[in-house]
C-alpha atoms as a PDB file:
ATOM      1  CA  UNK A   1      -2.423   1.367  -2.076  1.00  0.00           C
ATOM      2  CA  UNK A   2      -1.850   0.356  -5.659  1.00  0.00           C
ATOM      3  CA  UNK A   3      -4.131   0.638  -8.656  1.00  0.00           C
ATOM      4  CA  UNK A   4      -3.814   0.109 -12.405  1.00  0.00           C
ATOM      5  CA  UNK A   5      -3.004   3.182 -14.494  1.00  0.00           C
ATOM      6  CA  UNK A   6      -4.529   3.987 -17.890  1.00  0.00           C
ATOM      7  CA  UNK A   7      -1.389   2.577 -19.487  1.00  0.00           C
ATOM      8  CA  UNK A   8      -1.979  -0.742 -17.737  1.00  0.00           C
ATOM      9  CA  UNK A   9       0.872  -0.283 -15.257  1.00  0.00           C
ATOM     10  CA  UNK A  10       0.496  -0.540 -11.499  1.00  0.00           C
ATOM     11  CA  UNK A  11       1.110   2.671  -9.576  1.00  0.00           C
ATOM     12  CA  UNK A  12       0.468   4.150  -6.135  1.00  0.00           C
ATOM     13  CA  UNK A  13      -2.927   5.762  -5.545  1.00  0.00           C
ATOM     14  CA  UNK A  14      -1.236   8.591  -3.602  1.00  0.00           C
ATOM     15  CA  UNK A  15      -4.038   9.018  -1.127  1.00  0.00           C
ATOM     16  CA  UNK A  16      -3.589  11.942   1.234  1.00  0.00           C
ATOM     17  CA  UNK A  17      -2.246  11.221   4.723  1.00  0.00           C
ATOM     18  CA  UNK A  18      -5.699  11.959   6.143  1.00  0.00           C
ATOM     19  CA  UNK A  19      -7.041   8.811   4.427  1.00  0.00           C
ATOM     20  CA  UNK A  20      -4.446   6.429   5.880  1.00  0.00           C
ATOM     21  CA  UNK A  21      -6.593   5.150   8.750  1.00  0.00           C
ATOM     22  CA  UNK A  22      -9.620   4.696   6.485  1.00  0.00           C
ATOM     23  CA  UNK A  23      -7.507   2.676   4.042  1.00  0.00           C
ATOM     24  CA  UNK A  24      -6.315   0.328   6.795  1.00  0.00           C
ATOM     25  CA  UNK A  25      -9.808   0.000   8.288  1.00  0.00           C
ATOM     26  CA  UNK A  26     -11.161  -0.867   4.824  1.00  0.00           C
ATOM     27  CA  UNK A  27      -8.571  -3.632   4.422  1.00  0.00           C
ATOM     28  CA  UNK A  28      -9.381  -4.985   7.874  1.00  0.00           C
ATOM     29  CA  UNK A  29     -13.106  -5.038   7.072  1.00  0.00           C
ATOM     30  CA  UNK A  30     -12.696  -6.473   3.564  1.00  0.00           C
ATOM     31  CA  UNK A  31     -10.418  -9.291   4.722  1.00  0.00           C
ATOM     32  CA  UNK A  32     -11.660 -10.064   8.234  1.00  0.00           C
ATOM     33  CA  UNK A  33     -11.000 -13.774   7.741  1.00  0.00           C
ATOM     34  CA  UNK A  34      -7.398 -13.456   6.507  1.00  0.00           C
ATOM     35  CA  UNK A  35      -5.036 -13.614   9.469  1.00  0.00           C
ATOM     36  CA  UNK A  36      -1.991 -12.367   7.563  1.00  0.00           C
ATOM     37  CA  UNK A  37      -3.770  -9.216   6.368  1.00  0.00           C
ATOM     38  CA  UNK A  38      -5.073  -8.546   9.865  1.00  0.00           C
ATOM     39  CA  UNK A  39      -1.537  -8.870  11.246  1.00  0.00           C
ATOM     40  CA  UNK A  40      -0.082  -6.552   8.585  1.00  0.00           C
ATOM     41  CA  UNK A  41      -2.761  -3.930   9.247  1.00  0.00           C
ATOM     42  CA  UNK A  42      -2.370  -4.198  13.019  1.00  0.00           C
ATOM     43  CA  UNK A  43       1.409  -3.890  12.725  1.00  0.00           C
ATOM     44  CA  UNK A  44       1.208  -0.612  10.775  1.00  0.00           C
ATOM     45  CA  UNK A  45      -1.485   0.993  12.930  1.00  0.00           C
ATOM     46  CA  UNK A  46       0.725   1.945  15.904  1.00  0.00           C
ATOM     47  CA  UNK A  47       2.896   4.050  13.595  1.00  0.00           C
ATOM     48  CA  UNK A  48      -0.151   5.847  12.211  1.00  0.00           C
ATOM     49  CA  UNK A  49      -1.748   6.252  15.643  1.00  0.00           C
ATOM     50  CA  UNK A  50       1.268   8.101  17.021  1.00  0.00           C
ATOM     51  CA  UNK A  51      -0.244  11.052  15.145  1.00  0.00           C
ATOM     52  CA  UNK A  52      -3.094  12.556  17.158  1.00  0.00           C
ATOM     53  CA  UNK A  53      -5.190  13.430  14.097  1.00  0.00           C
ATOM     54  CA  UNK A  54      -4.939   9.817  12.911  1.00  0.00           C
ATOM     55  CA  UNK A  55      -5.915   8.628  16.399  1.00  0.00           C
ATOM     56  CA  UNK A  56      -8.959  10.894  16.341  1.00  0.00           C
ATOM     57  CA  UNK A  57      -9.928   9.622  12.894  1.00  0.00           C
ATOM     58  CA  UNK A  58      -9.468   6.040  14.081  1.00  0.00           C
ATOM     59  CA  UNK A  59     -11.811   6.596  17.018  1.00  0.00           C
ATOM     60  CA  UNK A  60     -14.469   8.084  14.723  1.00  0.00           C
ATOM     61  CA  UNK A  61     -13.983   5.292  12.149  1.00  0.00           C
ATOM     62  CA  UNK A  62     -14.656   2.592  14.754  1.00  0.00           C
ATOM     63  CA  UNK A  63     -11.204   1.042  14.495  1.00  0.00           C
ATOM     64  CA  UNK A  64     -11.501  -0.397  18.007  1.00  0.00           C
ATOM     65  CA  UNK A  65     -14.280  -2.719  16.838  1.00  0.00           C
ATOM     66  CA  UNK A  66     -12.075  -3.976  13.995  1.00  0.00           C
ATOM     67  CA  UNK A  67      -9.187  -4.633  16.365  1.00  0.00           C
ATOM     68  CA  UNK A  68     -11.427  -6.520  18.786  1.00  0.00           C
ATOM     69  CA  UNK A  69     -13.028  -8.437  15.902  1.00  0.00           C
ATOM     70  CA  UNK A  70      -9.574  -9.676  14.848  1.00  0.00           C
ATOM     71  CA  UNK A  71      -8.929 -10.867  18.409  1.00  0.00           C
ATOM     72  CA  UNK A  72     -12.226 -12.797  18.406  1.00  0.00           C
ATOM     73  CA  UNK A  73     -11.817 -14.284  14.921  1.00  0.00           C
ATOM     74  CA  UNK A  74      -8.259 -15.466  15.622  1.00  0.00           C
ATOM     75  CA  UNK A  75      -8.532 -16.602  19.253  1.00  0.00           C
ATOM     76  CA  UNK A  76      -5.403 -18.774  19.173  1.00  0.00           C
ATOM     77  CA  UNK A  77      -3.081 -16.347  17.410  1.00  0.00           C
ATOM     78  CA  UNK A  78      -0.649 -14.850  19.898  1.00  0.00           C
ATOM     79  CA  UNK A  79       0.684 -12.607  17.131  1.00  0.00           C
ATOM     80  CA  UNK A  80      -2.753 -11.159  16.326  1.00  0.00           C
ATOM     81  CA  UNK A  81      -3.454 -10.541  20.009  1.00  0.00           C
ATOM     82  CA  UNK A  82      -0.054  -8.978  20.689  1.00  0.00           C
ATOM     83  CA  UNK A  83      -0.241  -6.519  17.783  1.00  0.00           C
ATOM     84  CA  UNK A  84      -3.890  -5.839  18.599  1.00  0.00           C
ATOM     85  CA  UNK A  85      -2.916  -4.840  22.147  1.00  0.00           C
ATOM     86  CA  UNK A  86      -0.197  -2.566  20.749  1.00  0.00           C
ATOM     87  CA  UNK A  87      -2.846  -0.874  18.599  1.00  0.00           C
ATOM     88  CA  UNK A  88      -5.156  -0.565  21.618  1.00  0.00           C
ATOM     89  CA  UNK A  89      -2.331   1.100  23.584  1.00  0.00           C
ATOM     90  CA  UNK A  90      -2.382   3.956  21.104  1.00  0.00           C
ATOM     91  CA  UNK A  91      -6.139   4.013  20.498  1.00  0.00           C
ATOM     92  CA  UNK A  92      -6.643   4.491  24.234  1.00  0.00           C
ATOM     93  CA  UNK A  93      -3.890   7.109  24.574  1.00  0.00           C
ATOM     94  CA  UNK A  94      -5.430  10.364  25.792  1.00  0.00           C
ATOM     95  CA  UNK A  95      -5.680  13.069  23.170  1.00  0.00           C
ATOM     96  CA  UNK A  96      -3.108  15.716  23.944  1.00  0.00           C
ATOM     97  CA  UNK A  97      -1.140  13.424  26.228  1.00  0.00           C
ATOM     98  CA  UNK A  98       0.840  10.265  26.666  1.00  0.00           C
ATOM     99  CA  UNK A  99       0.296   6.979  28.447  1.00  0.00           C
ATOM    100  CA  UNK A 100      -0.528   7.296  32.099  1.00  0.00           C
ATOM    101  CA  UNK A 101      -1.247  11.024  31.899  1.00  0.00           C
ATOM    102  CA  UNK A 102      -4.469  12.594  33.003  1.00  0.00           C
ATOM    103  CA  UNK A 103      -6.400  14.016  30.086  1.00  0.00           C
ATOM    104  CA  UNK A 104      -5.373  17.405  28.777  1.00  0.00           C
ATOM    105  CA  UNK A 105      -8.411  17.261  26.511  1.00  0.00           C
ATOM    106  CA  UNK A 106     -11.322  14.876  26.286  1.00  0.00           C
ATOM    107  CA  UNK A 107     -11.295  11.887  23.996  1.00  0.00           C
ATOM    108  CA  UNK A 108     -13.474  11.995  20.901  1.00  0.00           C
ATOM    109  CA  UNK A 109     -15.892   9.780  22.800  1.00  0.00           C
ATOM    110  CA  UNK A 110     -16.236  10.430  26.525  1.00  0.00           C
ATOM    111  CA  UNK A 111     -16.846   6.722  27.046  1.00  0.00           C
ATOM    112  CA  UNK A 112     -13.337   6.104  25.779  1.00  0.00           C
ATOM    113  CA  UNK A 113     -12.291   4.048  22.781  1.00  0.00           C
ATOM    114  CA  UNK A 114     -15.425   1.914  22.636  1.00  0.00           C
ATOM    115  CA  UNK A 115     -18.407   2.932  20.505  1.00  0.00           C
ATOM    116  CA  UNK A 116     -21.249   4.934  22.014  1.00  0.00           C
ATOM    117  CA  UNK A 117     -24.583   3.137  22.163  1.00  0.00           C
ATOM    118  CA  UNK A 118     -23.118  -0.342  21.959  1.00  0.00           C
ATOM    119  CA  UNK A 119     -22.054  -2.900  24.490  1.00  0.00           C
ATOM    120  CA  UNK A 120     -18.567  -2.943  23.004  1.00  0.00           C
ATOM    121  CA  UNK A 121     -17.131  -1.284  26.111  1.00  0.00           C
ATOM    122  CA  UNK A 122     -17.983  -4.248  28.298  1.00  0.00           C
ATOM    123  CA  UNK A 123     -17.436  -6.786  25.533  1.00  0.00           C
ATOM    124  CA  UNK A 124     -14.164  -5.163  24.468  1.00  0.00           C
ATOM    125  CA  UNK A 125     -12.774  -5.298  27.968  1.00  0.00           C
ATOM    126  CA  UNK A 126     -13.959  -8.910  28.313  1.00  0.00           C
ATOM    127  CA  UNK A 127     -12.101  -9.782  25.090  1.00  0.00           C
ATOM    128  CA  UNK A 128      -8.950  -8.064  26.362  1.00  0.00           C
ATOM    129  CA  UNK A 129      -9.059  -9.759  29.791  1.00  0.00           C
ATOM    130  CA  UNK A 130      -9.826 -13.157  28.246  1.00  0.00           C
ATOM    131  CA  UNK A 131      -6.798 -12.843  25.992  1.00  0.00           C
ATOM    132  CA  UNK A 132      -4.597 -11.890  28.939  1.00  0.00           C
ATOM    133  CA  UNK A 133      -5.782 -14.942  30.884  1.00  0.00           C
ATOM    134  CA  UNK A 134      -5.394 -17.376  27.966  1.00  0.00           C
ATOM    135  CA  UNK A 135      -1.918 -16.139  27.040  1.00  0.00           C
ATOM    136  CA  UNK A 136      -0.669 -15.612  30.599  1.00  0.00           C
ATOM    137  CA  UNK A 137       2.698 -17.173  29.770  1.00  0.00           C
ATOM    138  CA  UNK A 138       3.518 -14.824  26.867  1.00  0.00           C
ATOM    139  CA  UNK A 139       5.588 -11.972  28.295  1.00  0.00           C
ATOM    140  CA  UNK A 140       5.367  -9.682  25.257  1.00  0.00           C
ATOM    141  CA  UNK A 141       1.583 -10.041  25.054  1.00  0.00           C
ATOM    142  CA  UNK A 142       1.294  -9.397  28.788  1.00  0.00           C
ATOM    143  CA  UNK A 143       3.422  -6.257  28.510  1.00  0.00           C
ATOM    144  CA  UNK A 144       1.313  -4.880  25.644  1.00  0.00           C
ATOM    145  CA  UNK A 145      -1.952  -5.797  27.308  1.00  0.00           C
ATOM    146  CA  UNK A 146      -1.000  -4.195  30.621  1.00  0.00           C
ATOM    147  CA  UNK A 147       0.147  -1.066  28.794  1.00  0.00           C
ATOM    148  CA  UNK A 148      -3.184  -0.911  26.968  1.00  0.00           C
ATOM    149  CA  UNK A 149      -5.142  -1.346  30.215  1.00  0.00           C
ATOM    150  CA  UNK A 150      -3.278   1.589  31.760  1.00  0.00           C
ATOM    151  CA  UNK A 151      -4.619   3.814  29.004  1.00  0.00           C
ATOM    152  CA  UNK A 152      -8.078   2.213  28.924  1.00  0.00           C
ATOM    153  CA  UNK A 153      -8.400   2.795  32.676  1.00  0.00           C
ATOM    154  CA  UNK A 154      -7.832   6.549  32.265  1.00  0.00           C
ATOM    155  CA  UNK A 155     -11.466   6.895  31.209  1.00  0.00           C
ATOM    156  CA  UNK A 156     -13.703   6.630  34.308  1.00  0.00           C
ATOM    157  CA  UNK A 157     -16.404   4.477  32.681  1.00  0.00           C
ATOM    158  CA  UNK A 158     -13.814   2.079  31.323  1.00  0.00           C
ATOM    159  CA  UNK A 159     -12.011   1.930  34.674  1.00  0.00           C
ATOM    160  CA  UNK A 160     -15.296   1.101  36.397  1.00  0.00           C
ATOM    161  CA  UNK A 161     -15.920  -1.681  33.889  1.00  0.00           C
ATOM    162  CA  UNK A 162     -12.380  -3.031  34.385  1.00  0.00           C
ATOM    163  CA  UNK A 163     -12.927  -3.173  38.142  1.00  0.00           C
ATOM    164  CA  UNK A 164     -16.337  -4.869  37.749  1.00  0.00           C
ATOM    165  CA  UNK A 165     -14.847  -7.478  35.446  1.00  0.00           C
ATOM    166  CA  UNK A 166     -11.921  -8.200  37.754  1.00  0.00           C
ATOM    167  CA  UNK A 167      -9.294  -6.588  35.539  1.00  0.00           C
ATOM    168  CA  UNK A 168      -8.217  -4.173  38.275  1.00  0.00           C
ATOM    169  CA  UNK A 169      -8.291  -4.484  41.990  1.00  0.00           C
ATOM    170  CA  UNK A 170      -8.674  -1.589  44.342  1.00  0.00           C
ATOM    171  CA  UNK A 171      -6.377  -1.598  47.357  1.00  0.00           C
END
């Protein structure tokens, strides 16, 4: 982040690393209708979310809602959806583990990456599945979306919702 100095120059704010997720979330909220800003924020998030403390902060800050909001507000943007799925891959990664691993520790929210007390779990999965269906021909989007569903399905409530919505089949 940049800000003007007392001398009238522009300089970095030098926020601590712990504020990185909040800074990105603030930009996403402040500029929800600007596709380019949403893409830039979504592109940087996977790098931040590799760090478990940032991932925890992101879950508490409600980042998932911002990611899903971008997917809804830009329904025809393959780029927004692809980078959103990449962000969801990491948001849904189990704390203390990697993709596809059983949980070493619980997630911040036992319902998974979706906010407690809201219908965003069902709605979020509907948004994800709708995107996968609409962009079925885009291989990169399909790869990211499948990867994100692997992690989303590690939480029992989310897996149940995926099955109910036809996102997974049981054989």
